[in-house]
Amino acid sequence: MHVRQFQSSVLSLITALVLVGCSSTSESFFSSSEYRFHDSAQSFISLNKTRNNGAVVDKGLFYPKSAFSFTYRYCADTPQSASNDIQEFHQLAKRVCDANVGQLIHQDTGTWCVYNPNTVDERPIFYTKISSTELWADMCLDGPFVTLKVIENTEASQEEWYEAAKILGYQPYSPYRKLVTPSELGQLPQPQKEPIATELWNEESQYIYTNIGSVVCLYNRPENSAIGYTYLGTVHSVDSGLVKVAATAKLRGDIRTAPILEQLDWHRMAYITAAANSWFVCG
């Protein structure tokens, strides 16, 4: 992407952002943020045919993911265009955060735009992540997969949104909280783990715990693995917050964002026991 094209794209995004911010009069809308990053991300996607020729992934059947979370994936034209898209998306996130009088903070689950950073009054505005992977480049003709994720309030009350954000990975301020420092100026660091806080239960956890026989999955990324694995099986039994699953398949990567369901050689069946909130419904 040439510099002139890049500047034009950013200008178009800013224009779209301002229009989005001025078009709504909903009280709940403004209680979350004046300018919505979700709408700006949609504008980013629709700016060219390459980005627009993708698909929504990890739709999330259960609250709060279904209400607040949006994940999208597309094939880049070239590795350089993927790099340009990532840089442009980073700049957009900062512009939207600045427009909402917020500040970006970087956690191990990803980057959040917040009000009153590093104080007891800190509150999340939105979450952002964009990344590319060459590991599945053979699935794209010319470039790597690019995946972007947005978590943001749209309709809920402030208290409801705050509680949901914590389930979806936001770590509230505390004297013991550790923030990640970006390695490059202007760049958003890539999270080390998925933005789902497994220490908290939600509606999906409750469903899994009370439905023996349901098809569930667990994603795990060992330290020596670049993308990790998803284990798939059926709920066998539950006890004291733990769910025992008869797992029958091991798949490459996180199937919520992986381009294909690539099954790996594994046991015919093995039992895996983990906390109910470590599993997610996948069938």
C-alpha atoms as a PDB file:
ATOM      1  CA  MET A   1       0.000   0.000   0.000  1.00  0.00           C
ATOM      2  CA  HIS A   2       1.456   3.379  -1.048  1.00  0.00           C
ATOM      3  CA  VAL A   3       1.760   6.205   1.468  1.00  0.00           C
ATOM      4  CA  ARG A   4      -0.847   8.299  -0.353  1.00  0.00           C
ATOM      5  CA  GLN A   5      -3.310   5.385  -0.388  1.00  0.00           C
ATOM      6  CA  PHE A   6      -2.625   4.710   3.285  1.00  0.00           C
ATOM      7  CA  GLN A   7      -3.262   8.354   4.231  1.00  0.00           C
ATOM      8  CA  SER A   8      -6.437   8.347   2.163  1.00  0.00           C
ATOM      9  CA  SER A   9      -7.646   5.194   3.932  1.00  0.00           C
ATOM     10  CA  VAL A  10      -6.983   6.691   7.358  1.00  0.00           C
ATOM     11  CA  LEU A  11      -8.799   9.890   6.362  1.00  0.00           C
ATOM     12  CA  SER A  12     -11.782   7.870   5.150  1.00  0.00           C
ATOM     13  CA  LEU A  13     -11.847   6.001   8.446  1.00  0.00           C
ATOM     14  CA  ILE A  14     -11.736   9.195  10.467  1.00  0.00           C
ATOM     15  CA  THR A  15     -14.596  10.619   8.406  1.00  0.00           C
ATOM     16  CA  ALA A  16     -16.621   7.438   8.860  1.00  0.00           C
ATOM     17  CA  LEU A  17     -15.829   7.462  12.584  1.00  0.00           C
ATOM     18  CA  VAL A  18     -17.066  11.024  13.046  1.00  0.00           C
ATOM     19  CA  LEU A  19     -20.229  10.269  11.105  1.00  0.00           C
ATOM     20  CA  VAL A  20     -20.848   7.182  13.212  1.00  0.00           C
ATOM     21  CA  GLY A  21     -20.291   9.119  16.413  1.00  0.00           C
ATOM     22  CA  CYS A  22     -22.725  11.860  15.442  1.00  0.00           C
ATOM     23  CA  SER A  23     -25.469   9.628  14.064  1.00  0.00           C
ATOM     24  CA  SER A  24     -26.723   8.056  17.295  1.00  0.00           C
ATOM     25  CA  THR A  25     -28.775   9.639  20.037  1.00  0.00           C
ATOM     26  CA  SER A  26     -29.247   6.515  22.167  1.00  0.00           C
ATOM     27  CA  GLU A  27     -28.626   7.141  25.870  1.00  0.00           C
ATOM     28  CA  SER A  28     -27.145   3.664  26.329  1.00  0.00           C
ATOM     29  CA  PHE A  29     -24.879   4.287  23.335  1.00  0.00           C
ATOM     30  CA  PHE A  30     -23.342   7.406  24.827  1.00  0.00           C
ATOM     31  CA  SER A  31     -23.088   5.824  28.264  1.00  0.00           C
ATOM     32  CA  SER A  32     -20.532   3.428  26.780  1.00  0.00           C
ATOM     33  CA  SER A  33     -18.550   5.683  24.461  1.00  0.00           C
ATOM     34  CA  GLU A  34     -19.177   8.651  22.232  1.00  0.00           C
ATOM     35  CA  TYR A  35     -17.530   6.997  19.230  1.00  0.00           C
ATOM     36  CA  ARG A  36     -17.909   3.240  18.827  1.00  0.00           C
ATOM     37  CA  PHE A  37     -14.842   1.261  17.792  1.00  0.00           C
ATOM     38  CA  HIS A  38     -17.047  -1.600  16.566  1.00  0.00           C
ATOM     39  CA  ASP A  39     -18.485   0.669  13.858  1.00  0.00           C
ATOM     40  CA  SER A  40     -15.023   1.993  13.006  1.00  0.00           C
ATOM     41  CA  ALA A  41     -13.769  -1.600  12.629  1.00  0.00           C
ATOM     42  CA  GLN A  42     -16.664  -2.298  10.258  1.00  0.00           C
ATOM     43  CA  SER A  43     -15.631   0.740   8.219  1.00  0.00           C
ATOM     44  CA  PHE A  44     -12.033  -0.510   8.212  1.00  0.00           C
ATOM     45  CA  ILE A  45     -13.192  -3.879   6.837  1.00  0.00           C
ATOM     46  CA  SER A  46     -15.367  -2.367   4.115  1.00  0.00           C
ATOM     47  CA  LEU A  47     -12.699   0.033   2.796  1.00  0.00           C
ATOM     48  CA  ASN A  48     -11.390  -2.445   0.220  1.00  0.00           C
ATOM     49  CA  LYS A  49     -12.435  -5.685  -1.446  1.00  0.00           C
ATOM     50  CA  THR A  50      -9.654  -7.753   0.113  1.00  0.00           C
ATOM     51  CA  ARG A  51     -10.709  -7.020   3.676  1.00  0.00           C
ATOM     52  CA  ASN A  52     -14.386  -7.254   2.830  1.00  0.00           C
ATOM     53  CA  ASN A  53     -13.954 -10.739   1.358  1.00  0.00           C
ATOM     54  CA  GLY A  54     -13.670 -12.389   4.762  1.00  0.00           C
ATOM     55  CA  ALA A  55     -15.935 -13.916   7.361  1.00  0.00           C
ATOM     56  CA  VAL A  56     -17.099 -13.435  10.945  1.00  0.00           C
ATOM     57  CA  VAL A  57     -15.682 -16.147  13.226  1.00  0.00           C
ATOM     58  CA  ASP A  58     -16.178 -17.074  16.865  1.00  0.00           C
ATOM     59  CA  LYS A  59     -19.718 -15.696  16.874  1.00  0.00           C
ATOM     60  CA  GLY A  60     -20.292 -16.721  20.480  1.00  0.00           C
ATOM     61  CA  LEU A  61     -23.603 -18.407  21.228  1.00  0.00           C
ATOM     62  CA  PHE A  62     -23.640 -17.409  24.871  1.00  0.00           C
ATOM     63  CA  TYR A  63     -23.728 -14.158  26.804  1.00  0.00           C
ATOM     64  CA  PRO A  64     -21.577 -12.109  27.179  1.00  0.00           C
ATOM     65  CA  LYS A  65     -19.624 -13.027  24.023  1.00  0.00           C
ATOM     66  CA  SER A  66     -22.735 -12.947  21.860  1.00  0.00           C
ATOM     67  CA  ALA A  67     -23.575  -9.448  23.107  1.00  0.00           C
ATOM     68  CA  PHE A  68     -20.178  -7.744  23.102  1.00  0.00           C
ATOM     69  CA  SER A  69     -17.623  -9.702  21.067  1.00  0.00           C
ATOM     70  CA  PHE A  70     -16.867  -9.504  17.333  1.00  0.00           C
ATOM     71  CA  THR A  71     -14.106 -11.468  15.538  1.00  0.00           C
ATOM     72  CA  TYR A  72     -13.406 -11.240  11.799  1.00  0.00           C
ATOM     73  CA  ARG A  73     -10.862 -12.946   9.526  1.00  0.00           C
ATOM     74  CA  TYR A  74      -9.740 -12.408   5.935  1.00  0.00           C
ATOM     75  CA  CYS A  75      -6.909 -13.297   3.535  1.00  0.00           C
ATOM     76  CA  ALA A  76      -4.414 -10.497   2.878  1.00  0.00           C
ATOM     77  CA  ASP A  77      -3.094  -9.874  -0.643  1.00  0.00           C
ATOM     78  CA  THR A  78       0.537  -9.964   0.446  1.00  0.00           C
ATOM     79  CA  PRO A  79       2.524 -10.108   3.697  1.00  0.00           C
ATOM     80  CA  GLN A  80       3.253  -6.391   3.258  1.00  0.00           C
ATOM     81  CA  SER A  81      -0.429  -5.501   2.886  1.00  0.00           C
ATOM     82  CA  ALA A  82      -1.158  -7.492   6.048  1.00  0.00           C
ATOM     83  CA  SER A  83       1.521  -5.501   7.859  1.00  0.00           C
ATOM     84  CA  ASN A  84       0.049  -2.239   6.535  1.00  0.00           C
ATOM     85  CA  ASP A  85      -3.460  -3.282   7.629  1.00  0.00           C
ATOM     86  CA  ILE A  86      -2.222  -4.071  11.133  1.00  0.00           C
ATOM     87  CA  GLN A  87      -0.484  -0.704  11.424  1.00  0.00           C
ATOM     88  CA  GLU A  88      -3.574   1.096  10.127  1.00  0.00           C
ATOM     89  CA  PHE A  89      -5.835  -0.744  12.565  1.00  0.00           C
ATOM     90  CA  HIS A  90      -3.497   0.119  15.452  1.00  0.00           C
ATOM     91  CA  GLN A  91      -3.650   3.792  14.514  1.00  0.00           C
ATOM     92  CA  LEU A  92      -7.430   3.629  14.232  1.00  0.00           C
ATOM     93  CA  ALA A  93      -7.716   2.108  17.719  1.00  0.00           C
ATOM     94  CA  LYS A  94      -5.659   4.940  19.183  1.00  0.00           C
ATOM     95  CA  ARG A  95      -7.671   7.608  17.328  1.00  0.00           C
ATOM     96  CA  VAL A  96     -10.982   6.189  18.547  1.00  0.00           C
ATOM     97  CA  CYS A  97      -9.642   5.870  22.091  1.00  0.00           C
ATOM     98  CA  ASP A  98      -8.385   9.464  21.992  1.00  0.00           C
ATOM     99  CA  ALA A  99     -11.761  10.614  20.648  1.00  0.00           C
ATOM    100  CA  ASN A 100     -13.398   9.036  23.693  1.00  0.00           C
ATOM    101  CA  VAL A 101     -10.889  10.765  26.010  1.00  0.00           C
ATOM    102  CA  GLY A 102      -9.483   7.372  26.914  1.00  0.00           C
ATOM    103  CA  GLN A 103      -6.058   5.761  27.035  1.00  0.00           C
ATOM    104  CA  LEU A 104      -4.793   2.441  25.698  1.00  0.00           C
ATOM    105  CA  ILE A 105      -3.432  -0.002  28.261  1.00  0.00           C
ATOM    106  CA  HIS A 106      -1.868  -3.312  27.288  1.00  0.00           C
ATOM    107  CA  GLN A 107      -2.676  -6.481  29.231  1.00  0.00           C
ATOM    108  CA  ASP A 108      -1.626 -10.077  28.622  1.00  0.00           C
ATOM    109  CA  THR A 109      -5.078 -10.740  27.154  1.00  0.00           C
ATOM    110  CA  GLY A 110      -4.863  -7.794  24.742  1.00  0.00           C
ATOM    111  CA  THR A 111      -5.205  -4.034  24.519  1.00  0.00           C
ATOM    112  CA  TRP A 112      -8.019  -2.108  26.222  1.00  0.00           C
ATOM    113  CA  CYS A 113      -9.048   1.515  25.852  1.00  0.00           C
ATOM    114  CA  VAL A 114     -10.040   2.760  29.303  1.00  0.00           C
ATOM    115  CA  TYR A 115     -11.202   5.832  31.174  1.00  0.00           C
ATOM    116  CA  ASN A 116      -9.130   6.969  34.192  1.00  0.00           C
ATOM    117  CA  PRO A 117      -6.246   4.533  33.590  1.00  0.00           C
ATOM    118  CA  ASN A 118      -4.454   2.977  36.564  1.00  0.00           C
ATOM    119  CA  THR A 119      -6.864   4.319  39.160  1.00  0.00           C
ATOM    120  CA  VAL A 120      -9.693   2.787  41.167  1.00  0.00           C
ATOM    121  CA  ASP A 121     -12.072   4.631  38.829  1.00  0.00           C
ATOM    122  CA  GLU A 122     -10.680   2.932  35.703  1.00  0.00           C
ATOM    123  CA  ARG A 123     -13.410   1.586  33.387  1.00  0.00           C
ATOM    124  CA  PRO A 124     -13.054  -0.207  30.035  1.00  0.00           C
ATOM    125  CA  ILE A 125     -14.320   1.366  26.808  1.00  0.00           C
ATOM    126  CA  PHE A 126     -13.319  -1.283  24.252  1.00  0.00           C
ATOM    127  CA  TYR A 127     -10.855  -4.102  23.523  1.00  0.00           C
ATOM    128  CA  THR A 128      -8.857  -4.406  20.304  1.00  0.00           C
ATOM    129  CA  LYS A 129      -6.630  -6.990  18.688  1.00  0.00           C
ATOM    130  CA  ILE A 130      -5.345  -7.595  15.169  1.00  0.00           C
ATOM    131  CA  SER A 131      -2.802 -10.192  14.128  1.00  0.00           C
ATOM    132  CA  SER A 132      -1.678 -12.223  11.132  1.00  0.00           C
ATOM    133  CA  THR A 133      -0.353 -15.755  10.875  1.00  0.00           C
ATOM    134  CA  GLU A 134       1.810 -17.389   8.228  1.00  0.00           C
ATOM    135  CA  LEU A 135       1.121 -20.837   9.648  1.00  0.00           C
ATOM    136  CA  TRP A 136      -2.021 -21.172   7.562  1.00  0.00           C
ATOM    137  CA  ALA A 137      -0.752 -19.147   4.589  1.00  0.00           C
ATOM    138  CA  ASP A 138      -1.335 -22.135   2.291  1.00  0.00           C
ATOM    139  CA  MET A 139      -5.067 -21.490   2.758  1.00  0.00           C
ATOM    140  CA  CYS A 140      -4.674 -18.045   1.183  1.00  0.00           C
ATOM    141  CA  LEU A 141      -3.421 -17.514  -2.370  1.00  0.00           C
ATOM    142  CA  ASP A 142      -1.159 -14.525  -1.794  1.00  0.00           C
ATOM    143  CA  GLY A 143      -0.857 -13.578   1.848  1.00  0.00           C
ATOM    144  CA  PRO A 144      -1.446 -14.610   5.460  1.00  0.00           C
ATOM    145  CA  PHE A 145      -4.658 -14.726   7.432  1.00  0.00           C
ATOM    146  CA  VAL A 146      -5.475 -11.519   9.265  1.00  0.00           C
ATOM    147  CA  THR A 147      -7.748 -11.767  12.305  1.00  0.00           C
ATOM    148  CA  LEU A 148      -9.195  -8.783  14.135  1.00  0.00           C
ATOM    149  CA  LYS A 149     -11.211  -8.793  17.326  1.00  0.00           C
ATOM    150  CA  VAL A 150     -13.286  -6.125  19.031  1.00  0.00           C
ATOM    151  CA  ILE A 151     -15.038  -6.289  22.407  1.00  0.00           C
ATOM    152  CA  GLU A 152     -17.273  -3.315  23.135  1.00  0.00           C
ATOM    153  CA  ASN A 153     -20.511  -2.321  24.811  1.00  0.00           C
ATOM    154  CA  THR A 154     -23.407  -1.427  22.528  1.00  0.00           C
ATOM    155  CA  GLU A 155     -26.641  -1.499  24.537  1.00  0.00           C
ATOM    156  CA  ALA A 156     -26.031  -2.631  28.108  1.00  0.00           C
ATOM    157  CA  SER A 157     -25.873  -0.569  31.273  1.00  0.00           C
ATOM    158  CA  GLN A 158     -22.463   0.476  32.591  1.00  0.00           C
ATOM    159  CA  GLU A 159     -22.545  -2.061  35.444  1.00  0.00           C
ATOM    160  CA  GLU A 160     -23.608  -4.888  33.159  1.00  0.00           C
ATOM    161  CA  TRP A 161     -20.888  -4.001  30.663  1.00  0.00           C
ATOM    162  CA  TYR A 162     -18.221  -3.773  33.383  1.00  0.00           C
ATOM    163  CA  GLU A 163     -19.045  -7.257  34.690  1.00  0.00           C
ATOM    164  CA  ALA A 164     -19.150  -8.685  31.146  1.00  0.00           C
ATOM    165  CA  ALA A 165     -15.819  -7.084  30.247  1.00  0.00           C
ATOM    166  CA  LYS A 166     -14.180  -8.828  33.205  1.00  0.00           C
ATOM    167  CA  ILE A 167     -15.492 -12.175  31.976  1.00  0.00           C
ATOM    168  CA  LEU A 168     -14.191 -11.375  28.493  1.00  0.00           C
ATOM    169  CA  GLY A 169     -10.667 -10.702  29.710  1.00  0.00           C
ATOM    170  CA  TYR A 170     -10.496  -7.166  31.147  1.00  0.00           C
ATOM    171  CA  GLN A 171      -8.363  -7.090  34.278  1.00  0.00           C
ATOM    172  CA  PRO A 172      -9.522  -4.277  36.610  1.00  0.00           C
ATOM    173  CA  TYR A 173      -6.985  -1.997  38.237  1.00  0.00           C
ATOM    174  CA  SER A 174      -5.199  -3.225  41.333  1.00  0.00           C
ATOM    175  CA  PRO A 175      -1.760  -2.475  42.818  1.00  0.00           C
ATOM    176  CA  TYR A 176      -0.710  -5.983  41.724  1.00  0.00           C
ATOM    177  CA  ARG A 177      -1.889  -5.806  38.120  1.00  0.00           C
ATOM    178  CA  LYS A 178       0.878  -6.148  35.535  1.00  0.00           C
ATOM    179  CA  LEU A 179       0.634  -4.293  32.238  1.00  0.00           C
ATOM    180  CA  VAL A 180       2.542  -5.173  29.072  1.00  0.00           C
ATOM    181  CA  THR A 181       4.862  -2.609  27.494  1.00  0.00           C
ATOM    182  CA  PRO A 182       4.695  -2.401  23.685  1.00  0.00           C
ATOM    183  CA  SER A 183       8.009  -3.336  22.059  1.00  0.00           C
ATOM    184  CA  GLU A 184       7.619  -0.712  19.332  1.00  0.00           C
ATOM    185  CA  LEU A 185       6.230   2.807  19.578  1.00  0.00           C
ATOM    186  CA  GLY A 186       2.723   2.932  18.187  1.00  0.00           C
ATOM    187  CA  GLN A 187       2.336  -0.840  18.067  1.00  0.00           C
ATOM    188  CA  LEU A 188      -0.128  -2.918  20.078  1.00  0.00           C
ATOM    189  CA  PRO A 189       1.477  -5.999  21.663  1.00  0.00           C
ATOM    190  CA  GLN A 190       0.019  -9.375  20.769  1.00  0.00           C
ATOM    191  CA  PRO A 191      -1.676 -11.053  23.754  1.00  0.00           C
ATOM    192  CA  GLN A 192      -0.159 -14.169  25.243  1.00  0.00           C
ATOM    193  CA  LYS A 193      -3.524 -15.778  25.899  1.00  0.00           C
ATOM    194  CA  GLU A 194      -7.091 -15.607  24.692  1.00  0.00           C
ATOM    195  CA  PRO A 195      -9.200 -12.701  26.079  1.00  0.00           C
ATOM    196  CA  ILE A 196     -11.477 -14.974  28.076  1.00  0.00           C
ATOM    197  CA  ALA A 197     -10.962 -14.960  31.825  1.00  0.00           C
ATOM    198  CA  THR A 198     -11.252 -18.636  32.788  1.00  0.00           C
ATOM    199  CA  GLU A 199     -11.455 -17.849  36.505  1.00  0.00           C
ATOM    200  CA  LEU A 200     -15.034 -16.594  36.054  1.00  0.00           C
ATOM    201  CA  TRP A 201     -18.200 -18.504  35.208  1.00  0.00           C
ATOM    202  CA  ASN A 202     -20.789 -17.306  32.730  1.00  0.00           C
ATOM    203  CA  GLU A 203     -23.937 -18.593  31.055  1.00  0.00           C
ATOM    204  CA  GLU A 204     -21.939 -20.959  28.853  1.00  0.00           C
ATOM    205  CA  SER A 205     -20.150 -22.460  31.860  1.00  0.00           C
ATOM    206  CA  GLN A 206     -23.487 -23.079  33.571  1.00  0.00           C
ATOM    207  CA  TYR A 207     -24.903 -24.705  30.446  1.00  0.00           C
ATOM    208  CA  ILE A 208     -21.914 -27.060  30.157  1.00  0.00           C
ATOM    209  CA  TYR A 209     -22.074 -27.986  33.841  1.00  0.00           C
ATOM    210  CA  THR A 210     -25.774 -28.869  33.680  1.00  0.00           C
ATOM    211  CA  ASN A 211     -25.882 -30.681  30.325  1.00  0.00           C
ATOM    212  CA  ILE A 212     -24.245 -34.096  30.392  1.00  0.00           C
ATOM    213  CA  GLY A 213     -23.565 -35.293  26.850  1.00  0.00           C
ATOM    214  CA  SER A 214     -23.186 -31.863  25.238  1.00  0.00           C
ATOM    215  CA  VAL A 215     -20.352 -31.410  22.735  1.00  0.00           C
ATOM    216  CA  VAL A 216     -17.651 -29.144  24.123  1.00  0.00           C
ATOM    217  CA  CYS A 217     -14.095 -28.044  23.345  1.00  0.00           C
ATOM    218  CA  LEU A 218     -11.047 -26.932  25.287  1.00  0.00           C
ATOM    219  CA  TYR A 219      -8.237 -24.827  23.822  1.00  0.00           C
ATOM    220  CA  ASN A 220      -4.729 -25.218  25.193  1.00  0.00           C
ATOM    221  CA  ARG A 221      -1.472 -23.673  24.004  1.00  0.00           C
ATOM    222  CA  PRO A 222       1.642 -25.161  25.618  1.00  0.00           C
ATOM    223  CA  GLU A 223       4.719 -22.961  25.898  1.00  0.00           C
ATOM    224  CA  ASN A 224       6.475 -24.855  23.100  1.00  0.00           C
ATOM    225  CA  SER A 225       3.533 -24.534  20.700  1.00  0.00           C
ATOM    226  CA  ALA A 226       3.029 -21.587  18.345  1.00  0.00           C
ATOM    227  CA  ILE A 227      -0.727 -22.050  17.907  1.00  0.00           C
ATOM    228  CA  GLY A 228      -1.865 -24.695  20.420  1.00  0.00           C
ATOM    229  CA  TYR A 229      -4.579 -27.324  20.128  1.00  0.00           C
ATOM    230  CA  THR A 230      -8.322 -27.750  20.581  1.00  0.00           C
ATOM    231  CA  TYR A 231      -9.656 -30.902  22.231  1.00  0.00           C
ATOM    232  CA  LEU A 232     -13.215 -31.926  21.318  1.00  0.00           C
ATOM    233  CA  GLY A 233     -15.504 -34.343  23.114  1.00  0.00           C
ATOM    234  CA  THR A 234     -18.708 -34.842  25.101  1.00  0.00           C
ATOM    235  CA  VAL A 235     -19.382 -34.073  28.745  1.00  0.00           C
ATOM    236  CA  HIS A 236     -19.125 -37.326  30.715  1.00  0.00           C
ATOM    237  CA  SER A 237     -19.630 -36.151  34.303  1.00  0.00           C
ATOM    238  CA  VAL A 238     -19.320 -33.107  36.577  1.00  0.00           C
ATOM    239  CA  ASP A 239     -18.246 -32.624  40.172  1.00  0.00           C
ATOM    240  CA  SER A 240     -17.237 -29.676  42.367  1.00  0.00           C
ATOM    241  CA  GLY A 241     -16.975 -27.253  39.464  1.00  0.00           C
ATOM    242  CA  LEU A 242     -14.952 -29.652  37.324  1.00  0.00           C
ATOM    243  CA  VAL A 243     -16.145 -31.161  34.048  1.00  0.00           C
ATOM    244  CA  LYS A 244     -14.900 -34.568  32.869  1.00  0.00           C
ATOM    245  CA  VAL A 245     -15.027 -34.867  29.082  1.00  0.00           C
ATOM    246  CA  ALA A 246     -14.631 -37.953  26.890  1.00  0.00           C
ATOM    247  CA  ALA A 247     -12.406 -36.329  24.253  1.00  0.00           C
ATOM    248  CA  THR A 248     -12.317 -37.953  20.826  1.00  0.00           C
ATOM    249  CA  ALA A 249     -10.463 -35.425  18.666  1.00  0.00           C
ATOM    250  CA  LYS A 250      -7.448 -33.133  18.793  1.00  0.00           C
ATOM    251  CA  LEU A 251      -7.467 -30.277  16.266  1.00  0.00           C
ATOM    252  CA  ARG A 252      -4.814 -27.818  15.188  1.00  0.00           C
ATOM    253  CA  GLY A 253      -5.040 -24.326  16.667  1.00  0.00           C
ATOM    254  CA  ASP A 254      -8.059 -22.645  18.230  1.00  0.00           C
ATOM    255  CA  ILE A 255     -11.027 -23.850  16.169  1.00  0.00           C
ATOM    256  CA  ARG A 256     -12.883 -20.611  16.959  1.00  0.00           C
ATOM    257  CA  THR A 257     -10.470 -18.749  14.678  1.00  0.00           C
ATOM    258  CA  ALA A 258      -8.635 -21.468  12.704  1.00  0.00           C
ATOM    259  CA  PRO A 259      -9.372 -21.440   8.950  1.00  0.00           C
ATOM    260  CA  ILE A 260     -10.111 -25.169   8.754  1.00  0.00           C
ATOM    261  CA  LEU A 261     -10.862 -28.009  11.156  1.00  0.00           C
ATOM    262  CA  GLU A 262      -7.575 -29.882  10.804  1.00  0.00           C
ATOM    263  CA  GLN A 263      -7.702 -33.052  12.892  1.00  0.00           C
ATOM    264  CA  LEU A 264      -4.420 -34.438  14.228  1.00  0.00           C
ATOM    265  CA  ASP A 265      -3.428 -38.002  15.043  1.00  0.00           C
ATOM    266  CA  TRP A 266      -4.409 -38.697  18.643  1.00  0.00           C
ATOM    267  CA  HIS A 267      -6.030 -41.255  20.928  1.00  0.00           C
ATOM    268  CA  ARG A 268      -9.317 -42.818  19.900  1.00  0.00           C
ATOM    269  CA  MET A 269     -10.696 -41.500  23.186  1.00  0.00           C
ATOM    270  CA  ALA A 270      -9.237 -39.964  26.340  1.00  0.00           C
ATOM    271  CA  TYR A 271     -10.743 -38.351  29.449  1.00  0.00           C
ATOM    272  CA  ILE A 272      -9.852 -34.735  30.193  1.00  0.00           C
ATOM    273  CA  THR A 273     -10.974 -33.036  33.400  1.00  0.00           C
ATOM    274  CA  ALA A 274     -10.912 -29.263  33.696  1.00  0.00           C
ATOM    275  CA  ALA A 275     -12.888 -26.437  35.268  1.00  0.00           C
ATOM    276  CA  ALA A 276     -16.291 -25.851  33.706  1.00  0.00           C
ATOM    277  CA  ASN A 277     -15.261 -22.376  32.598  1.00  0.00           C
ATOM    278  CA  SER A 278     -12.274 -23.768  30.668  1.00  0.00           C
ATOM    279  CA  TRP A 279     -14.612 -25.440  28.165  1.00  0.00           C
ATOM    280  CA  PHE A 280     -16.751 -23.867  25.450  1.00  0.00           C
ATOM    281  CA  VAL A 281     -19.674 -25.251  23.461  1.00  0.00           C
ATOM    282  CA  CYS A 282     -18.596 -26.268  19.960  1.00  0.00           C
ATOM    283  CA  GLY A 283     -21.319 -28.551  18.662  1.00  0.00           C
END
